[in-house]
Amino acid sequence: MATTVDDCRQALHDLAAKLDANAEARGKLDLDRTLACRITDLGAAFHGRITGGRLVDIADGDDPKAKIALVTTGDNLLALVRGELDITRALAARQISIKANPFDLLKLRKLL
């Protein structure tokens, strides 16, 4: 299946909705960071902000100064959001890359 930029945009909005629905159950997460999502095979990027266990302000375009950067292909992003791709295995297999401060990575694990 050929993934499009619109598919990736929708996947990020779906992820934001899932995080929003689960934010109260997880409790407030002490993390307020900018996020960039770079889709390598489509040459596209999105950015937003993770705050209080939620993903907000999703917009098109890269944020080179983002504190957290997710780099992957469109197909892997969709599989990750749908729960078909385990993030730990995907990181180990280099299907995705997350560039972040090690302490932020530990906090991110609580979200996923």
Protein backbone atom coordinates (compact mmCIF):
# COMPACT_ATOMS: atom_id res chain seq x y z
CA MET A 1 0.00 0.00 0.00
CA ALA A 2 1.39 3.38 -0.98
CA THR A 3 1.32 5.76 1.95
CA THR A 4 0.66 9.44 1.26
CA VAL A 5 1.45 12.61 3.17
CA ASP A 6 -2.27 12.89 3.98
CA ASP A 7 -2.21 9.36 5.46
CA CYS A 8 0.70 10.36 7.72
CA ARG A 9 -1.01 13.60 8.75
CA GLN A 10 -4.15 11.64 9.65
CA ALA A 11 -2.11 9.06 11.56
CA LEU A 12 -0.61 11.81 13.72
CA HIS A 13 -4.06 13.24 14.42
CA ASP A 14 -5.27 9.71 15.29
CA LEU A 15 -2.32 9.34 17.66
CA ALA A 16 -3.17 12.70 19.25
CA ALA A 17 -6.76 11.53 19.79
CA LYS A 18 -5.58 8.28 21.40
CA LEU A 19 -3.18 10.11 23.70
CA ASP A 20 -5.89 12.61 24.60
CA ALA A 21 -8.35 9.83 25.46
CA ASN A 22 -5.77 8.09 27.66
CA ALA A 23 -4.22 11.17 29.28
CA GLU A 24 -6.46 11.12 32.34
CA ALA A 25 -5.97 7.39 32.95
CA ARG A 26 -2.16 7.71 32.88
CA GLY A 27 -2.08 10.74 35.09
CA LYS A 28 -0.30 13.92 34.23
CA LEU A 29 2.99 13.28 32.48
CA ASP A 30 5.70 15.81 33.34
CA LEU A 31 6.88 16.37 29.78
CA ASP A 32 6.61 19.52 27.70
CA ARG A 33 8.66 19.22 24.53
CA THR A 34 8.50 20.13 20.87
CA LEU A 35 8.22 17.19 18.49
CA ALA A 36 9.22 16.76 14.86
CA CYS A 37 8.10 13.79 12.80
CA ARG A 38 10.16 13.29 9.65
CA ILE A 39 8.86 10.92 6.97
CA THR A 40 11.92 9.90 4.99
CA ASP A 41 10.32 8.15 2.02
CA LEU A 42 7.88 10.99 1.33
CA GLY A 43 10.22 13.89 2.02
CA ALA A 44 7.62 15.30 4.41
CA ALA A 45 7.67 16.45 7.99
CA PHE A 46 5.26 17.50 10.71
CA HIS A 47 5.73 19.17 14.04
CA GLY A 48 3.79 19.63 17.24
CA ARG A 49 4.17 19.65 20.98
CA ILE A 50 3.89 16.97 23.64
CA THR A 51 2.50 18.44 26.83
CA GLY A 52 0.68 16.86 29.75
CA GLY A 53 0.56 13.48 28.03
CA ARG A 54 -1.07 14.97 24.94
CA LEU A 55 0.10 15.69 21.40
CA VAL A 56 -1.09 19.17 20.40
CA ASP A 57 -0.59 21.82 17.73
CA ILE A 58 0.17 19.37 14.90
CA ALA A 59 1.19 21.23 11.75
CA ASP A 60 2.92 20.56 8.46
CA GLY A 61 6.63 21.28 8.17
CA ASP A 62 9.76 20.42 10.06
CA ASP A 63 10.99 21.95 13.30
CA PRO A 64 14.78 21.64 13.21
CA LYS A 65 14.96 22.83 16.83
CA ALA A 66 12.52 20.20 18.13
CA LYS A 67 13.64 18.53 21.35
CA ILE A 68 12.25 15.17 20.17
CA ALA A 69 12.51 13.92 16.58
CA LEU A 70 10.86 10.80 15.20
CA VAL A 71 12.34 9.68 11.88
CA THR A 72 10.67 6.87 9.92
CA THR A 73 8.90 5.91 6.71
CA GLY A 74 5.24 6.55 6.10
CA ASP A 75 4.32 2.86 6.25
CA ASN A 76 6.12 2.42 9.57
CA LEU A 77 4.42 5.49 11.04
CA LEU A 78 0.99 4.14 10.11
CA ALA A 79 1.83 0.69 11.49
CA LEU A 80 3.13 2.23 14.71
CA VAL A 81 0.01 4.32 15.26
CA ARG A 82 -2.30 1.38 14.46
CA GLY A 83 -0.43 -0.76 16.99
CA GLU A 84 0.88 -3.16 14.35
CA LEU A 85 4.53 -2.21 14.95
CA ASP A 86 6.11 -2.57 18.38
CA ILE A 87 8.17 0.52 19.10
CA THR A 88 10.94 -1.35 20.93
CA ARG A 89 11.41 -3.83 18.09
CA ALA A 90 11.16 -1.06 15.50
CA LEU A 91 13.92 0.88 17.25
CA ALA A 92 16.11 -2.22 17.49
CA ALA A 93 15.54 -3.00 13.80
CA ARG A 94 16.17 0.65 12.88
CA GLN A 95 12.76 0.95 11.28
CA ILE A 96 12.30 4.10 13.31
CA SER A 97 14.68 6.48 14.99
CA ILE A 98 13.91 8.72 17.94
CA LYS A 99 16.34 11.50 18.72
CA ALA A 100 15.82 12.82 22.22
CA ASN A 101 17.42 13.37 25.57
CA PRO A 102 17.67 9.98 27.39
CA PHE A 103 15.47 11.26 30.23
CA ASP A 104 12.82 12.33 27.71
CA LEU A 105 12.93 8.87 26.14
CA LEU A 106 12.13 7.32 29.53
CA LYS A 107 9.16 9.65 29.94
CA LEU A 108 7.99 8.94 26.38
CA ARG A 109 7.77 5.23 27.22
CA LYS A 110 4.92 6.08 29.59
CA LEU A 111 2.94 7.44 26.66
CA LEU A 112 3.27 4.37 24.48
